[in-house]
Amino acid sequence: MTDNENPEIVDVPEAEEGKSPLEAFIFHQRRALEEAGKALDALLPDGFKEHGSAASKEFIKGFQVLVDAAITEIEKATSTAEGKNDDEDRPSTTGKAKVKVQVD
């Protein structure tokens, strides 16, 4: 047997006690997915994996910077809007300048 050959897959008995046919199906599908992942992993050279991983990390960092900038801008806009709302909370009859009213 060479290094590239996979060892023989151990078959799980079909009539395993306590397992429904659906659970057995899911088990075999999970195993198939794991083996397919290993096959694809074996096809890719180490340099590709290394640079692909670095590219993924940089992609995520780029989005983190973008989201952080958006949050900062939203916070600025919110604080500006809150400052304007403080002035607008007063009743319409109350202004900044006081006016004397003469009552007869």
PDB file of N, CA and C in Angstrom:
ATOM      1  N   MET A   1       0.851  -1.163   0.000  1.00  0.00           N
ATOM      2  CA  MET A   1       0.000   0.000   0.000  1.00  0.00           C
ATOM      3  C   MET A   1       0.901   1.231   0.000  1.00  0.00           C
ATOM      4  N   THR A   2       0.592   2.221  -0.850  1.00  0.00           N
ATOM      5  CA  THR A   2       1.389   3.444  -0.902  1.00  0.00           C
ATOM      6  C   THR A   2       0.788   4.485   0.025  1.00  0.00           C
ATOM      7  N   ASP A   3       1.486   5.605   0.168  1.00  0.00           N
ATOM      8  CA  ASP A   3       1.014   6.661   1.065  1.00  0.00           C
ATOM      9  C   ASP A   3      -0.268   7.316   0.569  1.00  0.00           C
ATOM     10  N   ASN A   4      -0.489   7.323  -0.742  1.00  0.00           N
ATOM     11  CA  ASN A   4      -1.654   8.001  -1.303  1.00  0.00           C
ATOM     12  C   ASN A   4      -2.929   7.183  -1.208  1.00  0.00           C
ATOM     13  N   GLU A   5      -2.817   5.907  -0.937  1.00  0.00           N
ATOM     14  CA  GLU A   5      -4.003   5.066  -0.864  1.00  0.00           C
ATOM     15  C   GLU A   5      -4.638   5.186   0.516  1.00  0.00           C
ATOM     16  N   ASN A   6      -5.941   5.224   0.530  1.00  0.00           N
ATOM     17  CA  ASN A   6      -6.671   5.291   1.794  1.00  0.00           C
ATOM     18  C   ASN A   6      -6.831   3.890   2.351  1.00  0.00           C
ATOM     19  N   PRO A   7      -6.770   3.746   3.664  1.00  0.00           N
ATOM     20  CA  PRO A   7      -7.043   2.430   4.235  1.00  0.00           C
ATOM     21  C   PRO A   7      -8.500   2.062   3.977  1.00  0.00           C
ATOM     22  N   GLU A   8      -8.771   0.793   4.039  1.00  0.00           N
ATOM     23  CA  GLU A   8     -10.128   0.323   3.769  1.00  0.00           C
ATOM     24  C   GLU A   8     -11.098   0.934   4.779  1.00  0.00           C
ATOM     25  N   ILE A   9     -12.224   1.406   4.269  1.00  0.00           N
ATOM     26  CA  ILE A   9     -13.235   2.034   5.118  1.00  0.00           C
ATOM     27  C   ILE A   9     -13.951   0.954   5.905  1.00  0.00           C
ATOM     28  N   VAL A  10     -14.022   1.154   7.208  1.00  0.00           N
ATOM     29  CA  VAL A  10     -14.693   0.194   8.074  1.00  0.00           C
ATOM     30  C   VAL A  10     -16.187   0.419   7.944  1.00  0.00           C
ATOM     31  N   ASP A  11     -16.917  -0.641   7.629  1.00  0.00           N
ATOM     32  CA  ASP A  11     -18.360  -0.533   7.451  1.00  0.00           C
ATOM     33  C   ASP A  11     -19.042  -0.771   8.786  1.00  0.00           C
ATOM     34  N   VAL A  12     -19.959   0.089   9.120  1.00  0.00           N
ATOM     35  CA  VAL A  12     -20.728  -0.045  10.350  1.00  0.00           C
ATOM     36  C   VAL A  12     -21.890  -0.979  10.063  1.00  0.00           C
ATOM     37  N   PRO A  13     -22.146  -1.927  10.944  1.00  0.00           N
ATOM     38  CA  PRO A  13     -23.257  -2.852  10.707  1.00  0.00           C
ATOM     39  C   PRO A  13     -24.577  -2.106  10.526  1.00  0.00           C
ATOM     40  N   GLU A  14     -25.361  -2.541   9.544  1.00  0.00           N
ATOM     41  CA  GLU A  14     -26.637  -1.899   9.224  1.00  0.00           C
ATOM     42  C   GLU A  14     -27.639  -2.041  10.366  1.00  0.00           C
ATOM     43  N   ALA A  15     -27.632  -3.188  11.024  1.00  0.00           N
ATOM     44  CA  ALA A  15     -28.636  -3.471  12.053  1.00  0.00           C
ATOM     45  C   ALA A  15     -28.124  -3.092  13.437  1.00  0.00           C
ATOM     46  N   GLU A  16     -27.389  -1.996  13.519  1.00  0.00           N
ATOM     47  CA  GLU A  16     -26.869  -1.571  14.808  1.00  0.00           C
ATOM     48  C   GLU A  16     -28.047  -1.222  15.717  1.00  0.00           C
ATOM     49  N   GLU A  17     -27.989  -1.726  16.928  1.00  0.00           N
ATOM     50  CA  GLU A  17     -29.106  -1.572  17.856  1.00  0.00           C
ATOM     51  C   GLU A  17     -29.266  -0.108  18.263  1.00  0.00           C
ATOM     52  N   GLY A  18     -30.509   0.395  18.232  1.00  0.00           N
ATOM     53  CA  GLY A  18     -30.792   1.754  18.669  1.00  0.00           C
ATOM     54  C   GLY A  18     -30.667   2.797  17.575  1.00  0.00           C
ATOM     55  N   LYS A  19     -30.286   2.408  16.375  1.00  0.00           N
ATOM     56  CA  LYS A  19     -30.140   3.378  15.289  1.00  0.00           C
ATOM     57  C   LYS A  19     -31.258   3.185  14.284  1.00  0.00           C
ATOM     58  N   SER A  20     -31.896   4.264  13.950  1.00  0.00           N
ATOM     59  CA  SER A  20     -32.931   4.199  12.925  1.00  0.00           C
ATOM     60  C   SER A  20     -32.262   4.263  11.552  1.00  0.00           C
ATOM     61  N   PRO A  21     -32.980   3.907  10.505  1.00  0.00           N
ATOM     62  CA  PRO A  21     -32.406   4.015   9.159  1.00  0.00           C
ATOM     63  C   PRO A  21     -31.978   5.447   8.828  1.00  0.00           C
ATOM     64  N   LEU A  22     -32.721   6.435   9.323  1.00  0.00           N
ATOM     65  CA  LEU A  22     -32.354   7.825   9.072  1.00  0.00           C
ATOM     66  C   LEU A  22     -31.025   8.167   9.753  1.00  0.00           C
ATOM     67  N   GLU A  23     -30.855   7.719  10.993  1.00  0.00           N
ATOM     68  CA  GLU A  23     -29.598   7.978  11.702  1.00  0.00           C
ATOM     69  C   GLU A  23     -28.427   7.301  11.003  1.00  0.00           C
ATOM     70  N   ALA A  24     -28.635   6.074  10.507  1.00  0.00           N
ATOM     71  CA  ALA A  24     -27.583   5.370   9.771  1.00  0.00           C
ATOM     72  C   ALA A  24     -27.242   6.121   8.489  1.00  0.00           C
ATOM     73  N   PHE A  25     -28.264   6.632   7.795  1.00  0.00           N
ATOM     74  CA  PHE A  25     -28.046   7.405   6.575  1.00  0.00           C
ATOM     75  C   PHE A  25     -27.220   8.648   6.876  1.00  0.00           C
ATOM     76  N   ILE A  26     -27.598   9.367   7.943  1.00  0.00           N
ATOM     77  CA  ILE A  26     -26.878  10.585   8.316  1.00  0.00           C
ATOM     78  C   ILE A  26     -25.432  10.261   8.673  1.00  0.00           C
ATOM     79  N   PHE A  27     -25.221   9.156   9.376  1.00  0.00           N
ATOM     80  CA  PHE A  27     -23.868   8.740   9.733  1.00  0.00           C
ATOM     81  C   PHE A  27     -23.028   8.529   8.478  1.00  0.00           C
ATOM     82  N   HIS A  28     -23.577   7.803   7.508  1.00  0.00           N
ATOM     83  CA  HIS A  28     -22.828   7.504   6.284  1.00  0.00           C
ATOM     84  C   HIS A  28     -22.609   8.766   5.447  1.00  0.00           C
ATOM     85  N   GLN A  29     -23.570   9.658   5.430  1.00  0.00           N
ATOM     86  CA  GLN A  29     -23.398  10.901   4.680  1.00  0.00           C
ATOM     87  C   GLN A  29     -22.321  11.773   5.324  1.00  0.00           C
ATOM     88  N   ARG A  30     -22.290  11.794   6.649  1.00  0.00           N
ATOM     89  CA  ARG A  30     -21.260  12.556   7.353  1.00  0.00           C
ATOM     90  C   ARG A  30     -19.874  11.989   7.039  1.00  0.00           C
ATOM     91  N   ARG A  31     -19.774  10.673   7.060  1.00  0.00           N
ATOM     92  CA  ARG A  31     -18.494  10.031   6.724  1.00  0.00           C
ATOM     93  C   ARG A  31     -18.091  10.335   5.287  1.00  0.00           C
ATOM     94  N   ALA A  32     -19.065  10.319   4.367  1.00  0.00           N
ATOM     95  CA  ALA A  32     -18.766  10.617   2.966  1.00  0.00           C
ATOM     96  C   ALA A  32     -18.257  12.050   2.823  1.00  0.00           C
ATOM     97  N   LEU A  33     -18.860  12.973   3.536  1.00  0.00           N
ATOM     98  CA  LEU A  33     -18.431  14.365   3.486  1.00  0.00           C
ATOM     99  C   LEU A  33     -17.019  14.524   4.054  1.00  0.00           C
ATOM    100  N   GLU A  34     -16.731  13.836   5.141  1.00  0.00           N
ATOM    101  CA  GLU A  34     -15.389  13.890   5.723  1.00  0.00           C
ATOM    102  C   GLU A  34     -14.354  13.367   4.737  1.00  0.00           C
ATOM    103  N   GLU A  35     -14.653  12.252   4.094  1.00  0.00           N
ATOM    104  CA  GLU A  35     -13.713  11.666   3.137  1.00  0.00           C
ATOM    105  C   GLU A  35     -13.537  12.565   1.915  1.00  0.00           C
ATOM    106  N   ALA A  36     -14.612  13.195   1.458  1.00  0.00           N
ATOM    107  CA  ALA A  36     -14.509  14.112   0.321  1.00  0.00           C
ATOM    108  C   ALA A  36     -13.639  15.311   0.696  1.00  0.00           C
ATOM    109  N   GLY A  37     -13.794  15.793   1.912  1.00  0.00           N
ATOM    110  CA  GLY A  37     -12.959  16.894   2.388  1.00  0.00           C
ATOM    111  C   GLY A  37     -11.493  16.515   2.431  1.00  0.00           C
ATOM    112  N   LYS A  38     -11.206  15.304   2.882  1.00  0.00           N
ATOM    113  CA  LYS A  38      -9.821  14.827   2.916  1.00  0.00           C
ATOM    114  C   LYS A  38      -9.261  14.700   1.508  1.00  0.00           C
ATOM    115  N   ALA A  39     -10.095  14.249   0.562  1.00  0.00           N
ATOM    116  CA  ALA A  39      -9.648  14.104  -0.825  1.00  0.00           C
ATOM    117  C   ALA A  39      -9.307  15.467  -1.422  1.00  0.00           C
ATOM    118  N   LEU A  40     -10.152  16.454  -1.192  1.00  0.00           N
ATOM    119  CA  LEU A  40      -9.877  17.796  -1.706  1.00  0.00           C
ATOM    120  C   LEU A  40      -8.648  18.394  -1.034  1.00  0.00           C
ATOM    121  N   ASP A  41      -8.495  18.147   0.246  1.00  0.00           N
ATOM    122  CA  ASP A  41      -7.340  18.644   0.980  1.00  0.00           C
ATOM    123  C   ASP A  41      -6.048  18.060   0.416  1.00  0.00           C
ATOM    124  N   ALA A  42      -6.085  16.798   0.021  1.00  0.00           N
ATOM    125  CA  ALA A  42      -4.900  16.146  -0.528  1.00  0.00           C
ATOM    126  C   ALA A  42      -4.532  16.709  -1.896  1.00  0.00           C
ATOM    127  N   LEU A  43      -5.500  17.244  -2.624  1.00  0.00           N
ATOM    128  CA  LEU A  43      -5.232  17.786  -3.955  1.00  0.00           C
ATOM    129  C   LEU A  43      -4.543  19.147  -3.913  1.00  0.00           C
ATOM    130  N   LEU A  44      -4.747  19.900  -2.856  1.00  0.00           N
ATOM    131  CA  LEU A  44      -4.224  21.259  -2.781  1.00  0.00           C
ATOM    132  C   LEU A  44      -2.819  21.268  -2.186  1.00  0.00           C
ATOM    133  N   PRO A  45      -1.893  21.984  -2.824  1.00  0.00           N
ATOM    134  CA  PRO A  45      -0.534  22.068  -2.269  1.00  0.00           C
ATOM    135  C   PRO A  45      -0.517  22.916  -0.993  1.00  0.00           C
ATOM    136  N   ASP A  46       0.527  22.714  -0.191  1.00  0.00           N
ATOM    137  CA  ASP A  46       0.629  23.413   1.091  1.00  0.00           C
ATOM    138  C   ASP A  46       0.686  24.928   0.917  1.00  0.00           C
ATOM    139  N   GLY A  47       1.385  25.414  -0.106  1.00  0.00           N
ATOM    140  CA  GLY A  47       1.485  26.856  -0.348  1.00  0.00           C
ATOM    141  C   GLY A  47       0.125  27.474  -0.610  1.00  0.00           C
ATOM    142  N   PHE A  48      -0.716  26.762  -1.335  1.00  0.00           N
ATOM    143  CA  PHE A  48      -2.063  27.256  -1.621  1.00  0.00           C
ATOM    144  C   PHE A  48      -2.862  27.377  -0.332  1.00  0.00           C
ATOM    145  N   LYS A  49      -2.742  26.373   0.514  1.00  0.00           N
ATOM    146  CA  LYS A  49      -3.474  26.396   1.787  1.00  0.00           C
ATOM    147  C   LYS A  49      -3.002  27.562   2.654  1.00  0.00           C
ATOM    148  N   GLU A  50      -1.683  27.761   2.693  1.00  0.00           N
ATOM    149  CA  GLU A  50      -1.109  28.822   3.517  1.00  0.00           C
ATOM    150  C   GLU A  50      -1.564  30.199   3.031  1.00  0.00           C
ATOM    151  N   HIS A  51      -1.450  30.446   1.725  1.00  0.00           N
ATOM    152  CA  HIS A  51      -1.823  31.752   1.185  1.00  0.00           C
ATOM    153  C   HIS A  51      -3.338  31.952   1.191  1.00  0.00           C
ATOM    154  N   GLY A  52      -4.077  30.884   0.995  1.00  0.00           N
ATOM    155  CA  GLY A  52      -5.536  30.979   1.064  1.00  0.00           C
ATOM    156  C   GLY A  52      -5.995  31.343   2.461  1.00  0.00           C
ATOM    157  N   SER A  53      -5.345  30.769   3.455  1.00  0.00           N
ATOM    158  CA  SER A  53      -5.674  31.086   4.847  1.00  0.00           C
ATOM    159  C   SER A  53      -5.345  32.546   5.157  1.00  0.00           C
ATOM    160  N   ALA A  54      -4.185  33.004   4.687  1.00  0.00           N
ATOM    161  CA  ALA A  54      -3.799  34.401   4.913  1.00  0.00           C
ATOM    162  C   ALA A  54      -4.769  35.349   4.209  1.00  0.00           C
ATOM    163  N   ALA A  55      -5.193  34.988   3.001  1.00  0.00           N
ATOM    164  CA  ALA A  55      -6.144  35.827   2.264  1.00  0.00           C
ATOM    165  C   ALA A  55      -7.477  35.898   3.003  1.00  0.00           C
ATOM    166  N   SER A  56      -7.920  34.791   3.552  1.00  0.00           N
ATOM    167  CA  SER A  56      -9.181  34.781   4.305  1.00  0.00           C
ATOM    168  C   SER A  56      -9.093  35.692   5.522  1.00  0.00           C
ATOM    169  N   LYS A  57      -7.977  35.635   6.230  1.00  0.00           N
ATOM    170  CA  LYS A  57      -7.805  36.477   7.417  1.00  0.00           C
ATOM    171  C   LYS A  57      -7.799  37.958   7.043  1.00  0.00           C
ATOM    172  N   GLU A  58      -7.112  38.311   5.940  1.00  0.00           N
ATOM    173  CA  GLU A  58      -7.078  39.703   5.501  1.00  0.00           C
ATOM    174  C   GLU A  58      -8.458  40.174   5.057  1.00  0.00           C
ATOM    175  N   PHE A  59      -9.212  39.303   4.418  1.00  0.00           N
ATOM    176  CA  PHE A  59     -10.573  39.617   3.986  1.00  0.00           C
ATOM    177  C   PHE A  59     -11.436  39.958   5.195  1.00  0.00           C
ATOM    178  N   ILE A  60     -11.319  39.149   6.237  1.00  0.00           N
ATOM    179  CA  ILE A  60     -12.090  39.378   7.465  1.00  0.00           C
ATOM    180  C   ILE A  60     -11.656  40.681   8.134  1.00  0.00           C
ATOM    181  N   LYS A  61     -10.339  40.938   8.181  1.00  0.00           N
ATOM    182  CA  LYS A  61      -9.846  42.177   8.786  1.00  0.00           C
ATOM    183  C   LYS A  61     -10.360  43.398   8.029  1.00  0.00           C
ATOM    184  N   GLY A  62     -10.426  43.297   6.697  1.00  0.00           N
ATOM    185  CA  GLY A  62     -10.947  44.397   5.891  1.00  0.00           C
ATOM    186  C   GLY A  62     -12.385  44.719   6.249  1.00  0.00           C
ATOM    187  N   PHE A  63     -13.204  43.687   6.399  1.00  0.00           N
ATOM    188  CA  PHE A  63     -14.596  43.914   6.775  1.00  0.00           C
ATOM    189  C   PHE A  63     -14.712  44.443   8.198  1.00  0.00           C
ATOM    190  N   GLN A  64     -13.805  44.021   9.092  1.00  0.00           N
ATOM    191  CA  GLN A  64     -13.836  44.547  10.460  1.00  0.00           C
ATOM    192  C   GLN A  64     -13.574  46.046  10.462  1.00  0.00           C
ATOM    193  N   VAL A  65     -12.605  46.489   9.645  1.00  0.00           N
ATOM    194  CA  VAL A  65     -12.306  47.916   9.550  1.00  0.00           C
ATOM    195  C   VAL A  65     -13.513  48.665   8.996  1.00  0.00           C
ATOM    196  N   LEU A  66     -14.137  48.108   7.961  1.00  0.00           N
ATOM    197  CA  LEU A  66     -15.306  48.740   7.350  1.00  0.00           C
ATOM    198  C   LEU A  66     -16.463  48.857   8.345  1.00  0.00           C
ATOM    199  N   VAL A  67     -16.731  47.797   9.072  1.00  0.00           N
ATOM    200  CA  VAL A  67     -17.829  47.804  10.047  1.00  0.00           C
ATOM    201  C   VAL A  67     -17.523  48.765  11.191  1.00  0.00           C
ATOM    202  N   ASP A  68     -16.279  48.771  11.670  1.00  0.00           N
ATOM    203  CA  ASP A  68     -15.909  49.697  12.745  1.00  0.00           C
ATOM    204  C   ASP A  68     -16.082  51.151  12.305  1.00  0.00           C
ATOM    205  N   ALA A  69     -15.694  51.460  11.061  1.00  0.00           N
ATOM    206  CA  ALA A  69     -15.857  52.820  10.549  1.00  0.00           C
ATOM    207  C   ALA A  69     -17.337  53.183  10.450  1.00  0.00           C
ATOM    208  N   ALA A  70     -18.149  52.244  10.003  1.00  0.00           N
ATOM    209  CA  ALA A  70     -19.590  52.495   9.906  1.00  0.00           C
ATOM    210  C   ALA A  70     -20.188  52.738  11.291  1.00  0.00           C
ATOM    211  N   ILE A  71     -19.765  51.959  12.275  1.00  0.00           N
ATOM    212  CA  ILE A  71     -20.261  52.136  13.648  1.00  0.00           C
ATOM    213  C   ILE A  71     -19.878  53.520  14.176  1.00  0.00           C
ATOM    214  N   THR A  72     -18.641  53.939  13.912  1.00  0.00           N
ATOM    215  CA  THR A  72     -18.184  55.252  14.361  1.00  0.00           C
ATOM    216  C   THR A  72     -19.031  56.359  13.741  1.00  0.00           C
ATOM    217  N   GLU A  73     -19.294  56.257  12.437  1.00  0.00           N
ATOM    218  CA  GLU A  73     -20.104  57.272  11.759  1.00  0.00           C
ATOM    219  C   GLU A  73     -21.538  57.294  12.290  1.00  0.00           C
ATOM    220  N   ILE A  74     -22.085  56.123  12.553  1.00  0.00           N
ATOM    221  CA  ILE A  74     -23.449  56.044  13.093  1.00  0.00           C
ATOM    222  C   ILE A  74     -23.501  56.663  14.488  1.00  0.00           C
ATOM    223  N   GLU A  75     -22.481  56.387  15.309  1.00  0.00           N
ATOM    224  CA  GLU A  75     -22.439  56.973  16.650  1.00  0.00           C
ATOM    225  C   GLU A  75     -22.325  58.492  16.584  1.00  0.00           C
ATOM    226  N   LYS A  76     -21.516  58.999  15.627  1.00  0.00           N
ATOM    227  CA  LYS A  76     -21.397  60.452  15.455  1.00  0.00           C
ATOM    228  C   LYS A  76     -22.739  61.054  15.067  1.00  0.00           C
ATOM    229  N   ALA A  77     -23.407  60.432  14.109  1.00  0.00           N
ATOM    230  CA  ALA A  77     -24.704  60.940  13.650  1.00  0.00           C
ATOM    231  C   ALA A  77     -25.734  60.882  14.772  1.00  0.00           C
ATOM    232  N   THR A  78     -25.687  59.834  15.562  1.00  0.00           N
ATOM    233  CA  THR A  78     -26.628  59.689  16.673  1.00  0.00           C
ATOM    234  C   THR A  78     -26.392  60.760  17.730  1.00  0.00           C
ATOM    235  N   SER A  79     -25.136  61.002  18.071  1.00  0.00           N
ATOM    236  CA  SER A  79     -24.851  62.017  19.093  1.00  0.00           C
ATOM    237  C   SER A  79     -25.212  63.410  18.582  1.00  0.00           C
ATOM    238  N   THR A  80     -25.007  63.667  17.297  1.00  0.00           N
ATOM    239  CA  THR A  80     -25.394  64.955  16.725  1.00  0.00           C
ATOM    240  C   THR A  80     -26.908  65.115  16.766  1.00  0.00           C
ATOM    241  N   ALA A  81     -27.623  64.064  16.419  1.00  0.00           N
ATOM    242  CA  ALA A  81     -29.089  64.110  16.435  1.00  0.00           C
ATOM    243  C   ALA A  81     -29.607  64.273  17.858  1.00  0.00           C
ATOM    244  N   GLU A  82     -28.970  63.638  18.825  1.00  0.00           N
ATOM    245  CA  GLU A  82     -29.391  63.773  20.219  1.00  0.00           C
ATOM    246  C   GLU A  82     -29.166  65.196  20.708  1.00  0.00           C
ATOM    247  N   GLY A  83     -28.078  65.828  20.281  1.00  0.00           N
ATOM    248  CA  GLY A  83     -27.802  67.213  20.656  1.00  0.00           C
ATOM    249  C   GLY A  83     -28.863  68.146  20.117  1.00  0.00           C
ATOM    250  N   LYS A  84     -29.305  67.919  18.909  1.00  0.00           N
ATOM    251  CA  LYS A  84     -30.365  68.740  18.319  1.00  0.00           C
ATOM    252  C   LYS A  84     -31.694  68.480  19.014  1.00  0.00           C
ATOM    253  N   ASN A  85     -31.939  67.260  19.398  1.00  0.00           N
ATOM    254  CA  ASN A  85     -33.194  66.920  20.069  1.00  0.00           C
ATOM    255  C   ASN A  85     -33.301  67.582  21.436  1.00  0.00           C
ATOM    256  N   ASP A  86     -32.172  67.814  22.104  1.00  0.00           N
ATOM    257  CA  ASP A  86     -32.208  68.471  23.414  1.00  0.00           C
ATOM    258  C   ASP A  86     -32.804  69.870  23.291  1.00  0.00           C
ATOM    259  N   ASP A  87     -32.455  70.600  22.228  1.00  0.00           N
ATOM    260  CA  ASP A  87     -33.002  71.934  22.014  1.00  0.00           C
ATOM    261  C   ASP A  87     -34.475  71.867  21.651  1.00  0.00           C
ATOM    262  N   GLU A  88     -34.875  70.834  20.970  1.00  0.00           N
ATOM    263  CA  GLU A  88     -36.250  70.710  20.500  1.00  0.00           C
ATOM    264  C   GLU A  88     -37.189  70.171  21.576  1.00  0.00           C
ATOM    265  N   ASP A  89     -36.660  69.723  22.707  1.00  0.00           N
ATOM    266  CA  ASP A  89     -37.492  69.164  23.765  1.00  0.00           C
ATOM    267  C   ASP A  89     -38.282  70.240  24.513  1.00  0.00           C
ATOM    268  N   ARG A  90     -37.847  71.480  24.438  1.00  0.00           N
ATOM    269  CA  ARG A  90     -38.541  72.556  25.143  1.00  0.00           C
ATOM    270  C   ARG A  90     -39.860  72.867  24.438  1.00  0.00           C
ATOM    271  N   PRO A  91     -40.826  73.361  25.183  1.00  0.00           N
ATOM    272  CA  PRO A  91     -42.102  73.741  24.553  1.00  0.00           C
ATOM    273  C   PRO A  91     -41.887  74.853  23.530  1.00  0.00           C
ATOM    274  N   SER A  92     -42.785  74.948  22.572  1.00  0.00           N
ATOM    275  CA  SER A  92     -42.638  75.933  21.507  1.00  0.00           C
ATOM    276  C   SER A  92     -42.755  77.362  22.024  1.00  0.00           C
ATOM    277  N   THR A  93     -43.377  77.578  23.184  1.00  0.00           N
ATOM    278  CA  THR A  93     -43.526  78.928  23.744  1.00  0.00           C
ATOM    279  C   THR A  93     -42.260  79.394  24.436  1.00  0.00           C
ATOM    280  N   THR A  94     -41.363  78.487  24.712  1.00  0.00           N
ATOM    281  CA  THR A  94     -40.132  78.848  25.393  1.00  0.00           C
ATOM    282  C   THR A  94     -39.037  78.992  24.350  1.00  0.00           C
ATOM    283  N   GLY A  95     -38.475  80.174  24.288  1.00  0.00           N
ATOM    284  CA  GLY A  95     -37.393  80.414  23.346  1.00  0.00           C
ATOM    285  C   GLY A  95     -36.114  80.689  24.095  1.00  0.00           C
ATOM    286  N   LYS A  96     -35.070  80.980  23.361  1.00  0.00           N
ATOM    287  CA  LYS A  96     -33.789  81.282  23.991  1.00  0.00           C
ATOM    288  C   LYS A  96     -33.809  82.675  24.629  1.00  0.00           C
ATOM    289  N   ALA A  97     -34.507  83.612  23.981  1.00  0.00           N
ATOM    290  CA  ALA A  97     -34.586  84.981  24.508  1.00  0.00           C
ATOM    291  C   ALA A  97     -35.900  85.158  25.261  1.00  0.00           C
ATOM    292  N   LYS A  98     -35.835  85.869  26.383  1.00  0.00           N
ATOM    293  CA  LYS A  98     -37.053  86.115  27.163  1.00  0.00           C
ATOM    294  C   LYS A  98     -37.693  87.415  26.685  1.00  0.00           C
ATOM    295  N   VAL A  99     -38.990  87.387  26.612  1.00  0.00           N
ATOM    296  CA  VAL A  99     -39.751  88.556  26.180  1.00  0.00           C
ATOM    297  C   VAL A  99     -40.660  88.969  27.332  1.00  0.00           C
ATOM    298  N   LYS A 100     -40.637  90.250  27.653  1.00  0.00           N
ATOM    299  CA  LYS A 100     -41.512  90.745  28.718  1.00  0.00           C
ATOM    300  C   LYS A 100     -42.902  90.956  28.141  1.00  0.00           C
ATOM    301  N   VAL A 101     -43.878  90.470  28.861  1.00  0.00           N
ATOM    302  CA  VAL A 101     -45.267  90.604  28.443  1.00  0.00           C
ATOM    303  C   VAL A 101     -45.987  91.448  29.485  1.00  0.00           C
ATOM    304  N   GLN A 102     -46.703  92.441  29.033  1.00  0.00           N
ATOM    305  CA  GLN A 102     -47.423  93.322  29.943  1.00  0.00           C
ATOM    306  C   GLN A 102     -48.866  92.835  30.016  1.00  0.00           C
ATOM    307  N   VAL A 103     -49.321  92.551  31.230  1.00  0.00           N
ATOM    308  CA  VAL A 103     -50.664  92.046  31.436  1.00  0.00           C
ATOM    309  C   VAL A 103     -51.495  93.153  32.066  1.00  0.00           C
ATOM    310  N   ASP A 104     -52.673  93.475  31.525  1.00  0.00           N
ATOM    311  CA  ASP A 104     -53.560  94.509  32.070  1.00  0.00           C
ATOM    312  C   ASP A 104     -54.559  93.929  33.001  1.00  0.00           C
TER     313      ASP A 104
END
